[in-house]
């Protein structure tokens, strides 16, 4: 594990301290989870951008055509 000195505006520090306390955790754990969430979101977005760039519209449409209009379940309130 490594350490990193973080410069943080006082308003963000107070908000992080308040939220961490409400979640019964430390500020350090709050920051670790927040950074992990941000990294995950950015890497997920990049993954889907790459997948979209390599995708083929006709193949996607063929897959949707296989689903058909009867795919909704009978108890699906959105299809009623």
PDB file of N, CA and C in Angstrom:
ATOM      1  N   UNK A   1       0.855  -1.169   0.000  1.00  0.00           N
ATOM      2  CA  UNK A   1       0.000   0.000   0.000  1.00  0.00           C
ATOM      3  C   UNK A   1       0.900   1.232   0.000  1.00  0.00           C
ATOM      4  N   UNK A   2       0.485   2.258  -0.708  1.00  0.00           N
ATOM      5  CA  UNK A   2       1.282   3.476  -0.751  1.00  0.00           C
ATOM      6  C   UNK A   2       0.484   4.643  -0.180  1.00  0.00           C
ATOM      7  N   UNK A   3       1.186   5.723   0.090  1.00  0.00           N
ATOM      8  CA  UNK A   3       0.566   6.931   0.635  1.00  0.00           C
ATOM      9  C   UNK A   3       0.665   8.052  -0.373  1.00  0.00           C
ATOM     10  N   UNK A   4      -0.284   8.981  -0.278  1.00  0.00           N
ATOM     11  CA  UNK A   4      -0.290  10.139  -1.151  1.00  0.00           C
ATOM     12  C   UNK A   4      -0.869  11.310  -0.368  1.00  0.00           C
ATOM     13  N   UNK A   5      -0.107  12.394  -0.296  1.00  0.00           N
ATOM     14  CA  UNK A   5      -0.599  13.594   0.385  1.00  0.00           C
ATOM     15  C   UNK A   5      -1.580  14.294  -0.550  1.00  0.00           C
ATOM     16  N   UNK A   6      -2.748  14.578  -0.061  1.00  0.00           N
ATOM     17  CA  UNK A   6      -3.813  15.145  -0.882  1.00  0.00           C
ATOM     18  C   UNK A   6      -4.115  16.570  -0.439  1.00  0.00           C
ATOM     19  N   UNK A   7      -4.059  17.487  -1.378  1.00  0.00           N
ATOM     20  CA  UNK A   7      -4.482  18.865  -1.102  1.00  0.00           C
ATOM     21  C   UNK A   7      -5.963  18.947  -1.414  1.00  0.00           C
ATOM     22  N   UNK A   8      -6.728  19.390  -0.447  1.00  0.00           N
ATOM     23  CA  UNK A   8      -8.175  19.356  -0.564  1.00  0.00           C
ATOM     24  C   UNK A   8      -8.777  20.651  -0.041  1.00  0.00           C
ATOM     25  N   UNK A   9      -9.648  21.283  -0.827  1.00  0.00           N
ATOM     26  CA  UNK A   9     -10.325  22.475  -0.306  1.00  0.00           C
ATOM     27  C   UNK A   9     -11.082  22.136   0.978  1.00  0.00           C
ATOM     28  N   UNK A  10     -11.100  23.068   1.883  1.00  0.00           N
ATOM     29  CA  UNK A  10     -11.729  22.839   3.183  1.00  0.00           C
ATOM     30  C   UNK A  10     -13.187  22.410   3.047  1.00  0.00           C
ATOM     31  N   UNK A  11     -13.911  22.988   2.093  1.00  0.00           N
ATOM     32  CA  UNK A  11     -15.325  22.622   1.932  1.00  0.00           C
ATOM     33  C   UNK A  11     -15.478  21.156   1.531  1.00  0.00           C
ATOM     34  N   UNK A  12     -14.597  20.649   0.674  1.00  0.00           N
ATOM     35  CA  UNK A  12     -14.662  19.241   0.292  1.00  0.00           C
ATOM     36  C   UNK A  12     -14.251  18.342   1.451  1.00  0.00           C
ATOM     37  N   UNK A  13     -13.281  18.788   2.216  1.00  0.00           N
ATOM     38  CA  UNK A  13     -12.845  18.000   3.362  1.00  0.00           C
ATOM     39  C   UNK A  13     -13.976  17.859   4.378  1.00  0.00           C
ATOM     40  N   UNK A  14     -14.663  18.951   4.644  1.00  0.00           N
ATOM     41  CA  UNK A  14     -15.761  18.910   5.606  1.00  0.00           C
ATOM     42  C   UNK A  14     -16.893  18.009   5.106  1.00  0.00           C
ATOM     43  N   UNK A  15     -17.211  18.102   3.809  1.00  0.00           N
ATOM     44  CA  UNK A  15     -18.266  17.267   3.244  1.00  0.00           C
ATOM     45  C   UNK A  15     -17.866  15.792   3.294  1.00  0.00           C
ATOM     46  N   UNK A  16     -16.617  15.486   2.955  1.00  0.00           N
ATOM     47  CA  UNK A  16     -16.141  14.105   2.994  1.00  0.00           C
ATOM     48  C   UNK A  16     -16.172  13.567   4.422  1.00  0.00           C
ATOM     49  N   UNK A  17     -15.771  14.389   5.359  1.00  0.00           N
ATOM     50  CA  UNK A  17     -15.761  13.982   6.774  1.00  0.00           C
ATOM     51  C   UNK A  17     -17.182  13.689   7.247  1.00  0.00           C
ATOM     52  N   UNK A  18     -18.125  14.550   6.859  1.00  0.00           N
ATOM     53  CA  UNK A  18     -19.518  14.378   7.255  1.00  0.00           C
ATOM     54  C   UNK A  18     -20.094  13.102   6.646  1.00  0.00           C
ATOM     55  N   UNK A  19     -19.851  12.874   5.364  1.00  0.00           N
ATOM     56  CA  UNK A  19     -20.401  11.708   4.679  1.00  0.00           C
ATOM     57  C   UNK A  19     -19.759  10.423   5.203  1.00  0.00           C
ATOM     58  N   UNK A  20     -18.451  10.453   5.418  1.00  0.00           N
ATOM     59  CA  UNK A  20     -17.767   9.267   5.949  1.00  0.00           C
ATOM     60  C   UNK A  20     -18.310   8.908   7.332  1.00  0.00           C
ATOM     61  N   UNK A  21     -18.519   9.909   8.160  1.00  0.00           N
ATOM     62  CA  UNK A  21     -19.049   9.658   9.504  1.00  0.00           C
ATOM     63  C   UNK A  21     -20.463   9.084   9.430  1.00  0.00           C
ATOM     64  N   UNK A  22     -21.276   9.616   8.521  1.00  0.00           N
ATOM     65  CA  UNK A  22     -22.638   9.115   8.372  1.00  0.00           C
ATOM     66  C   UNK A  22     -22.647   7.674   7.870  1.00  0.00           C
ATOM     67  N   UNK A  23     -21.609   7.306   7.126  1.00  0.00           N
ATOM     68  CA  UNK A  23     -21.488   5.955   6.583  1.00  0.00           C
ATOM     69  C   UNK A  23     -20.692   5.048   7.518  1.00  0.00           C
ATOM     70  N   UNK A  24     -20.325   5.570   8.674  1.00  0.00           N
ATOM     71  CA  UNK A  24     -19.557   4.844   9.684  1.00  0.00           C
ATOM     72  C   UNK A  24     -18.254   4.277   9.111  1.00  0.00           C
ATOM     73  N   UNK A  25     -17.528   5.140   8.412  1.00  0.00           N
ATOM     74  CA  UNK A  25     -16.244   4.757   7.833  1.00  0.00           C
ATOM     75  C   UNK A  25     -15.250   5.902   8.015  1.00  0.00           C
ATOM     76  N   UNK A  26     -14.031   5.673   7.619  1.00  0.00           N
ATOM     77  CA  UNK A  26     -13.019   6.724   7.734  1.00  0.00           C
ATOM     78  C   UNK A  26     -12.991   7.568   6.467  1.00  0.00           C
ATOM     79  N   UNK A  27     -12.400   8.729   6.570  1.00  0.00           N
ATOM     80  CA  UNK A  27     -12.229   9.559   5.380  1.00  0.00           C
ATOM     81  C   UNK A  27     -11.326   8.858   4.378  1.00  0.00           C
ATOM     82  N   UNK A  28     -10.307   8.166   4.869  1.00  0.00           N
ATOM     83  CA  UNK A  28      -9.411   7.445   3.968  1.00  0.00           C
ATOM     84  C   UNK A  28     -10.201   6.419   3.145  1.00  0.00           C
ATOM     85  N   UNK A  29     -11.038   5.639   3.809  1.00  0.00           N
ATOM     86  CA  UNK A  29     -11.832   4.638   3.096  1.00  0.00           C
ATOM     87  C   UNK A  29     -12.798   5.308   2.131  1.00  0.00           C
ATOM     88  N   UNK A  30     -13.374   6.428   2.519  1.00  0.00           N
ATOM     89  CA  UNK A  30     -14.270   7.176   1.642  1.00  0.00           C
ATOM     90  C   UNK A  30     -13.536   7.592   0.374  1.00  0.00           C
ATOM     91  N   UNK A  31     -12.318   8.124   0.529  1.00  0.00           N
ATOM     92  CA  UNK A  31     -11.546   8.555  -0.638  1.00  0.00           C
ATOM     93  C   UNK A  31     -11.158   7.373  -1.520  1.00  0.00           C
ATOM     94  N   UNK A  32     -10.757   6.267  -0.914  1.00  0.00           N
ATOM     95  CA  UNK A  32     -10.372   5.085  -1.691  1.00  0.00           C
ATOM     96  C   UNK A  32     -11.556   4.600  -2.531  1.00  0.00           C
ATOM     97  N   UNK A  33     -12.737   4.513  -1.921  1.00  0.00           N
ATOM     98  CA  UNK A  33     -13.919   4.054  -2.643  1.00  0.00           C
ATOM     99  C   UNK A  33     -14.312   5.058  -3.733  1.00  0.00           C
ATOM    100  N   UNK A  34     -14.243   6.341  -3.433  1.00  0.00           N
ATOM    101  CA  UNK A  34     -14.599   7.362  -4.413  1.00  0.00           C
ATOM    102  C   UNK A  34     -13.667   7.310  -5.627  1.00  0.00           C
ATOM    103  N   UNK A  35     -12.381   7.139  -5.374  1.00  0.00           N
ATOM    104  CA  UNK A  35     -11.419   7.051  -6.474  1.00  0.00           C
ATOM    105  C   UNK A  35     -11.661   5.775  -7.281  1.00  0.00           C
ATOM    106  N   UNK A  36     -11.917   4.673  -6.601  1.00  0.00           N
ATOM    107  CA  UNK A  36     -12.192   3.411  -7.294  1.00  0.00           C
ATOM    108  C   UNK A  36     -13.442   3.522  -8.163  1.00  0.00           C
ATOM    109  N   UNK A  37     -14.476   4.171  -7.660  1.00  0.00           N
ATOM    110  CA  UNK A  37     -15.705   4.360  -8.432  1.00  0.00           C
ATOM    111  C   UNK A  37     -15.446   5.201  -9.677  1.00  0.00           C
ATOM    112  N   UNK A  38     -14.678   6.261  -9.545  1.00  0.00           N
ATOM    113  CA  UNK A  38     -14.380   7.131 -10.682  1.00  0.00           C
ATOM    114  C   UNK A  38     -13.568   6.386 -11.735  1.00  0.00           C
ATOM    115  N   UNK A  39     -12.558   5.642 -11.298  1.00  0.00           N
ATOM    116  CA  UNK A  39     -11.745   4.860 -12.232  1.00  0.00           C
ATOM    117  C   UNK A  39     -12.625   3.846 -12.956  1.00  0.00           C
ATOM    118  N   UNK A  40     -13.483   3.165 -12.223  1.00  0.00           N
ATOM    119  CA  UNK A  40     -14.373   2.181 -12.819  1.00  0.00           C
ATOM    120  C   UNK A  40     -15.289   2.810 -13.864  1.00  0.00           C
ATOM    121  N   UNK A  41     -15.862   3.952 -13.543  1.00  0.00           N
ATOM    122  CA  UNK A  41     -16.768   4.631 -14.475  1.00  0.00           C
ATOM    123  C   UNK A  41     -16.028   5.047 -15.746  1.00  0.00           C
ATOM    124  N   UNK A  42     -14.840   5.588 -15.590  1.00  0.00           N
ATOM    125  CA  UNK A  42     -14.095   6.043 -16.759  1.00  0.00           C
ATOM    126  C   UNK A  42     -13.631   4.869 -17.619  1.00  0.00           C
ATOM    127  N   UNK A  43     -13.189   3.798 -16.994  1.00  0.00           N
ATOM    128  CA  UNK A  43     -12.739   2.637 -17.761  1.00  0.00           C
ATOM    129  C   UNK A  43     -13.921   1.929 -18.429  1.00  0.00           C
ATOM    130  N   UNK A  44     -15.070   1.920 -17.777  1.00  0.00           N
ATOM    131  CA  UNK A  44     -16.258   1.328 -18.385  1.00  0.00           C
ATOM    132  C   UNK A  44     -16.685   2.131 -19.601  1.00  0.00           C
ATOM    133  N   UNK A  45     -16.680   3.447 -19.488  1.00  0.00           N
ATOM    134  CA  UNK A  45     -17.032   4.301 -20.625  1.00  0.00           C
ATOM    135  C   UNK A  45     -16.072   4.064 -21.792  1.00  0.00           C
ATOM    136  N   UNK A  46     -14.786   3.969 -21.498  1.00  0.00           N
ATOM    137  CA  UNK A  46     -13.796   3.719 -22.545  1.00  0.00           C
ATOM    138  C   UNK A  46     -14.037   2.364 -23.202  1.00  0.00           C
ATOM    139  N   UNK A  47     -14.341   1.339 -22.395  1.00  0.00           N
ATOM    140  CA  UNK A  47     -14.612   0.008 -22.922  1.00  0.00           C
ATOM    141  C   UNK A  47     -15.763   0.041 -23.914  1.00  0.00           C
ATOM    142  N   UNK A  48     -16.876   0.704 -23.542  1.00  0.00           N
ATOM    143  CA  UNK A  48     -18.036   0.742 -24.427  1.00  0.00           C
ATOM    144  C   UNK A  48     -17.794   1.618 -25.651  1.00  0.00           C
ATOM    145  N   UNK A  49     -16.990   2.656 -25.528  1.00  0.00           N
ATOM    146  CA  UNK A  49     -16.626   3.453 -26.696  1.00  0.00           C
ATOM    147  C   UNK A  49     -15.855   2.595 -27.695  1.00  0.00           C
ATOM    148  N   UNK A  50     -14.915   1.796 -27.191  1.00  0.00           N
ATOM    149  CA  UNK A  50     -14.145   0.916 -28.066  1.00  0.00           C
ATOM    150  C   UNK A  50     -15.038  -0.144 -28.698  1.00  0.00           C
ATOM    151  N   UNK A  51     -15.941  -0.709 -27.924  1.00  0.00           N
ATOM    152  CA  UNK A  51     -16.856  -1.717 -28.477  1.00  0.00           C
ATOM    153  C   UNK A  51     -17.758  -1.105 -29.536  1.00  0.00           C
ATOM    154  N   UNK A  52     -18.254   0.105 -29.287  1.00  0.00           N
ATOM    155  CA  UNK A  52     -19.131   0.764 -30.250  1.00  0.00           C
ATOM    156  C   UNK A  52     -18.389   1.071 -31.549  1.00  0.00           C
ATOM    157  N   UNK A  53     -17.130   1.464 -31.424  1.00  0.00           N
ATOM    158  CA  UNK A  53     -16.346   1.794 -32.619  1.00  0.00           C
ATOM    159  C   UNK A  53     -16.102   0.573 -33.490  1.00  0.00           C
ATOM    160  N   UNK A  54     -16.050  -0.601 -32.878  1.00  0.00           N
ATOM    161  CA  UNK A  54     -15.792  -1.806 -33.651  1.00  0.00           C
ATOM    162  C   UNK A  54     -17.079  -2.545 -34.028  1.00  0.00           C
ATOM    163  N   UNK A  55     -18.211  -2.007 -33.614  1.00  0.00           N
ATOM    164  CA  UNK A  55     -19.484  -2.668 -33.887  1.00  0.00           C
ATOM    165  C   UNK A  55     -19.967  -2.434 -35.307  1.00  0.00           C
ATOM    166  N   UNK A  56     -20.888  -3.287 -35.718  1.00  0.00           N
ATOM    167  CA  UNK A  56     -21.471  -3.181 -37.049  1.00  0.00           C
ATOM    168  C   UNK A  56     -22.977  -3.033 -36.890  1.00  0.00           C
ATOM    169  N   UNK A  57     -23.529  -1.979 -37.482  1.00  0.00           N
ATOM    170  CA  UNK A  57     -24.951  -1.677 -37.336  1.00  0.00           C
ATOM    171  C   UNK A  57     -25.822  -2.802 -37.885  1.00  0.00           C
ATOM    172  N   UNK A  58     -25.437  -3.404 -39.013  1.00  0.00           N
ATOM    173  CA  UNK A  58     -26.274  -4.460 -39.595  1.00  0.00           C
ATOM    174  C   UNK A  58     -26.292  -5.707 -38.708  1.00  0.00           C
ATOM    175  N   UNK A  59     -25.181  -6.009 -38.041  1.00  0.00           N
ATOM    176  CA  UNK A  59     -25.145  -7.152 -37.124  1.00  0.00           C
ATOM    177  C   UNK A  59     -26.009  -6.872 -35.898  1.00  0.00           C
ATOM    178  N   UNK A  60     -25.969  -5.648 -35.398  1.00  0.00           N
ATOM    179  CA  UNK A  60     -26.802  -5.281 -34.250  1.00  0.00           C
ATOM    180  C   UNK A  60     -28.277  -5.365 -34.617  1.00  0.00           C
ATOM    181  N   UNK A  61     -28.634  -4.877 -35.797  1.00  0.00           N
ATOM    182  CA  UNK A  61     -30.030  -4.933 -36.228  1.00  0.00           C
ATOM    183  C   UNK A  61     -30.492  -6.377 -36.400  1.00  0.00           C
ATOM    184  N   UNK A  62     -29.621  -7.228 -36.919  1.00  0.00           N
ATOM    185  CA  UNK A  62     -29.961  -8.645 -37.073  1.00  0.00           C
ATOM    186  C   UNK A  62     -30.237  -9.285 -35.715  1.00  0.00           C
ATOM    187  N   UNK A  63     -29.456  -8.918 -34.708  1.00  0.00           N
ATOM    188  CA  UNK A  63     -29.683  -9.439 -33.355  1.00  0.00           C
ATOM    189  C   UNK A  63     -31.020  -8.952 -32.818  1.00  0.00           C
ATOM    190  N   UNK A  64     -31.337  -7.675 -33.013  1.00  0.00           N
ATOM    191  CA  UNK A  64     -32.626  -7.139 -32.550  1.00  0.00           C
ATOM    192  C   UNK A  64     -33.785  -7.799 -33.294  1.00  0.00           C
ATOM    193  N   UNK A  65     -33.592  -8.081 -34.560  1.00  0.00           N
ATOM    194  CA  UNK A  65     -34.649  -8.724 -35.341  1.00  0.00           C
ATOM    195  C   UNK A  65     -34.969 -10.115 -34.804  1.00  0.00           C
ATOM    196  N   UNK A  66     -33.977 -10.799 -34.245  1.00  0.00           N
ATOM    197  CA  UNK A  66     -34.202 -12.122 -33.670  1.00  0.00           C
ATOM    198  C   UNK A  66     -35.067 -12.049 -32.415  1.00  0.00           C
ATOM    199  N   UNK A  67     -35.003 -10.930 -31.705  1.00  0.00           N
ATOM    200  CA  UNK A  67     -35.778 -10.772 -30.470  1.00  0.00           C
ATOM    201  C   UNK A  67     -37.256 -10.711 -30.800  1.00  0.00           C
ATOM    202  N   UNK A  68     -37.626  -9.941 -31.798  1.00  0.00           N
ATOM    203  CA  UNK A  68     -39.019  -9.841 -32.209  1.00  0.00           C
ATOM    204  C   UNK A  68     -39.848  -8.990 -31.279  1.00  0.00           C
ATOM    205  N   UNK A  69     -41.075  -8.771 -31.646  1.00  0.00           N
ATOM    206  CA  UNK A  69     -41.953  -7.891 -30.864  1.00  0.00           C
ATOM    207  C   UNK A  69     -42.645  -8.625 -29.725  1.00  0.00           C
ATOM    208  N   UNK A  70     -42.589  -9.952 -29.679  1.00  0.00           N
ATOM    209  CA  UNK A  70     -43.251 -10.717 -28.630  1.00  0.00           C
ATOM    210  C   UNK A  70     -42.327 -11.016 -27.458  1.00  0.00           C
ATOM    211  N   UNK A  71     -41.235 -10.299 -27.358  1.00  0.00           N
ATOM    212  CA  UNK A  71     -40.238 -10.585 -26.328  1.00  0.00           C
ATOM    213  C   UNK A  71     -40.686 -10.163 -24.932  1.00  0.00           C
ATOM    214  N   UNK A  72     -41.601  -9.212 -24.829  1.00  0.00           N
ATOM    215  CA  UNK A  72     -42.039  -8.736 -23.517  1.00  0.00           C
ATOM    216  C   UNK A  72     -42.837  -9.822 -22.808  1.00  0.00           C
ATOM    217  N   UNK A  73     -42.613  -9.943 -21.510  1.00  0.00           N
ATOM    218  CA  UNK A  73     -43.345 -10.930 -20.723  1.00  0.00           C
ATOM    219  C   UNK A  73     -44.776 -10.449 -20.520  1.00  0.00           C
ATOM    220  N   UNK A  74     -45.686 -11.362 -20.308  1.00  0.00           N
ATOM    221  CA  UNK A  74     -47.095 -11.007 -20.184  1.00  0.00           C
ATOM    222  C   UNK A  74     -47.390 -10.136 -18.978  1.00  0.00           C
ATOM    223  N   UNK A  75     -46.586 -10.248 -17.918  1.00  0.00           N
ATOM    224  CA  UNK A  75     -46.828  -9.415 -16.732  1.00  0.00           C
ATOM    225  C   UNK A  75     -46.051  -8.113 -16.772  1.00  0.00           C
ATOM    226  N   UNK A  76     -45.452  -7.803 -17.898  1.00  0.00           N
ATOM    227  CA  UNK A  76     -44.688  -6.566 -18.063  1.00  0.00           C
ATOM    228  C   UNK A  76     -45.666  -5.403 -18.182  1.00  0.00           C
ATOM    229  N   UNK A  77     -45.706  -4.546 -17.174  1.00  0.00           N
ATOM    230  CA  UNK A  77     -46.668  -3.440 -17.162  1.00  0.00           C
ATOM    231  C   UNK A  77     -46.365  -2.407 -18.241  1.00  0.00           C
ATOM    232  N   UNK A  78     -45.132  -2.352 -18.722  1.00  0.00           N
ATOM    233  CA  UNK A  78     -44.782  -1.381 -19.757  1.00  0.00           C
ATOM    234  C   UNK A  78     -45.376  -1.756 -21.102  1.00  0.00           C
ATOM    235  N   UNK A  79     -45.616  -3.037 -21.341  1.00  0.00           N
ATOM    236  CA  UNK A  79     -46.113  -3.451 -22.641  1.00  0.00           C
ATOM    237  C   UNK A  79     -47.648  -3.434 -22.699  1.00  0.00           C
ATOM    238  N   UNK A  80     -48.312  -3.112 -21.588  1.00  0.00           N
ATOM    239  CA  UNK A  80     -49.780  -3.128 -21.561  1.00  0.00           C
ATOM    240  C   UNK A  80     -50.352  -1.800 -21.966  1.00  0.00           C
TER     241      UNK A  80
END
